Amino acid sequence: MSPLLLTIDVAHPPRRPDEVESDLLDAWENVRNSTTIRVLKVIHGYGSGGKGGVTRELVRNWAYRQRGRFRGIFYGEDYTLHDPATQALRREIGQYPDTDLTMPNPGVTIIWVK
C-alpha cells in the first residue's frame, strides 16, 4: 500500500451488495480519518458478461450517491496520466505508484477523498 493510496478489493470473493457497501463505507472512513491517505482505489472487476458487472455498477452508483464526500471519482477506463483530472489529483496530493495508470482498467474506480 502506498502512503497516499488505500486499495480495497470488493470483487474477490464475490460479496452481497450490502457487504460491498459496508466495505466501501469502512474504507472511506479509514481514508477520511487518515493524515496521509487521500485516495481510495476500489477493485470491483468488470464482470464476465462484457458490459460491466453488478459489483462495478454498485460501486459506481455508491460513489455517485456519496459524491459530496469526494474531490473526484475516476473510472479506471479514464484514469490515465493524460487525463487532466488525474493530473490535477497527482499534482495536489503527490505522485504514487499505480500500475493502473499505464493502461485503462474498467475493473477499478479511484476515489479522491476530501
Protein backbone atom coordinates (compact mmCIF):
# COMPACT_ATOMS: atom_id res chain seq x y z
CA MET A 1 0.00 0.00 0.00
CA SER A 2 1.26 3.43 -0.92
CA PRO A 3 1.12 6.01 1.88
CA LEU A 4 -1.27 8.11 -0.26
CA LEU A 5 -3.44 5.27 -1.54
CA LEU A 6 -5.64 2.61 0.07
CA THR A 7 -6.70 -0.26 -2.17
CA ILE A 8 -9.67 -2.49 -1.40
CA ASP A 9 -10.95 -5.45 -3.40
CA VAL A 10 -14.72 -5.87 -3.19
CA ALA A 11 -14.94 -8.39 -6.04
CA HIS A 12 -12.92 -11.32 -4.69
CA PRO A 13 -14.52 -13.33 -3.28
CA PRO A 14 -17.92 -12.18 -4.55
CA ARG A 15 -19.94 -10.38 -1.89
CA ARG A 16 -23.55 -9.42 -1.36
CA PRO A 17 -24.43 -5.78 -2.17
CA ASP A 18 -24.85 -4.84 1.49
CA GLU A 19 -21.37 -6.24 2.25
CA VAL A 20 -19.85 -4.26 -0.61
CA GLU A 21 -21.46 -1.03 0.59
CA SER A 22 -20.30 -1.71 4.14
CA ASP A 23 -16.73 -2.31 2.89
CA LEU A 24 -16.87 0.94 0.90
CA LEU A 25 -18.09 2.93 3.89
CA ASP A 26 -15.41 1.45 6.16
CA ALA A 27 -12.68 2.20 3.61
CA TRP A 28 -13.94 5.75 3.09
CA GLU A 29 -13.87 6.35 6.84
CA ASN A 30 -10.30 5.00 7.03
CA VAL A 31 -9.17 7.37 4.29
CA ARG A 32 -11.11 10.32 5.67
CA ASN A 33 -9.57 9.83 9.12
CA SER A 34 -6.05 9.26 7.82
CA THR A 35 -3.44 12.00 7.90
CA THR A 36 -1.63 10.59 4.85
CA ILE A 37 -4.06 8.58 2.68
CA ARG A 38 -6.22 10.63 0.29
CA VAL A 39 -7.09 8.15 -2.44
CA LEU A 40 -9.27 5.06 -2.28
CA LYS A 41 -8.79 2.55 -5.09
CA VAL A 42 -11.67 0.10 -5.38
CA ILE A 43 -11.15 -3.12 -7.30
CA HIS A 44 -14.60 -4.27 -8.35
CA GLY A 45 -13.90 -6.20 -11.52
CA TYR A 46 -15.56 -5.69 -14.85
CA GLY A 47 -17.92 -8.64 -14.94
CA SER A 48 -17.94 -11.61 -17.27
CA GLY A 49 -20.85 -10.50 -19.46
CA GLY A 50 -18.83 -7.97 -21.44
CA LYS A 51 -20.90 -4.94 -20.42
CA GLY A 52 -19.82 -4.38 -16.82
CA GLY A 53 -20.81 -6.35 -13.78
CA VAL A 54 -23.23 -5.86 -10.93
CA THR A 55 -20.47 -5.09 -8.41
CA ARG A 56 -18.94 -2.49 -10.71
CA GLU A 57 -22.27 -0.73 -11.08
CA LEU A 58 -22.93 -0.97 -7.34
CA VAL A 59 -19.57 0.68 -6.55
CA ARG A 60 -20.01 3.44 -9.10
CA ASN A 61 -23.59 4.14 -8.03
CA TRP A 62 -22.48 4.27 -4.39
CA ALA A 63 -19.67 6.69 -5.28
CA TYR A 64 -22.10 8.88 -7.21
CA ARG A 65 -24.56 8.98 -4.30
CA GLN A 66 -21.71 9.88 -1.92
CA ARG A 67 -20.04 12.35 -4.34
CA GLY A 68 -20.34 15.24 -1.87
CA ARG A 69 -17.73 13.50 0.29
CA PHE A 70 -15.19 13.28 -2.53
CA ARG A 71 -13.00 15.65 -4.51
CA GLY A 72 -13.24 13.36 -7.51
CA ILE A 73 -14.30 9.98 -8.85
CA PHE A 74 -12.21 8.43 -11.60
CA TYR A 75 -13.36 5.42 -13.59
CA GLY A 76 -10.48 3.10 -14.36
CA GLU A 77 -11.04 3.35 -18.10
CA ASP A 78 -10.43 7.14 -17.90
CA TYR A 79 -7.74 7.12 -15.18
CA THR A 80 -4.57 7.85 -17.14
CA LEU A 81 -1.66 10.27 -16.94
CA HIS A 82 -3.16 12.01 -19.99
CA ASP A 83 -6.42 12.83 -18.19
CA PRO A 84 -6.45 16.43 -16.83
CA ALA A 85 -8.40 15.43 -13.69
CA THR A 86 -5.92 12.65 -12.93
CA GLN A 87 -3.06 15.09 -13.45
CA ALA A 88 -4.69 17.53 -11.01
CA LEU A 89 -5.09 14.77 -8.41
CA ARG A 90 -1.45 13.74 -8.65
CA ARG A 91 -0.23 17.34 -8.71
CA GLU A 92 -2.08 18.16 -5.50
CA ILE A 93 -1.51 15.06 -3.38
CA GLY A 94 1.78 13.90 -4.89
CA GLN A 95 2.95 11.06 -7.05
CA TYR A 96 2.31 7.47 -6.02
CA PRO A 97 2.96 4.19 -7.79
CA ASP A 98 -0.08 2.75 -9.51
CA THR A 99 0.04 0.18 -12.30
CA ASP A 100 -3.46 1.15 -13.44
CA LEU A 101 -2.11 4.48 -14.70
CA THR A 102 -0.30 2.73 -17.55
CA MET A 103 -3.42 1.32 -19.21
CA PRO A 104 -7.18 1.78 -18.88
CA ASN A 105 -8.80 -0.65 -16.44
CA PRO A 106 -12.62 -0.70 -16.28
CA GLY A 107 -12.37 -3.04 -13.28
CA VAL A 108 -11.35 -0.26 -10.87
CA THR A 109 -12.72 3.03 -9.59
CA ILE A 110 -10.48 5.65 -7.96
CA ILE A 111 -11.97 7.97 -5.33
CA TRP A 112 -10.24 11.17 -4.24
CA VAL A 113 -11.44 11.79 -0.70
CA LYS A 114 -11.81 15.32 0.72
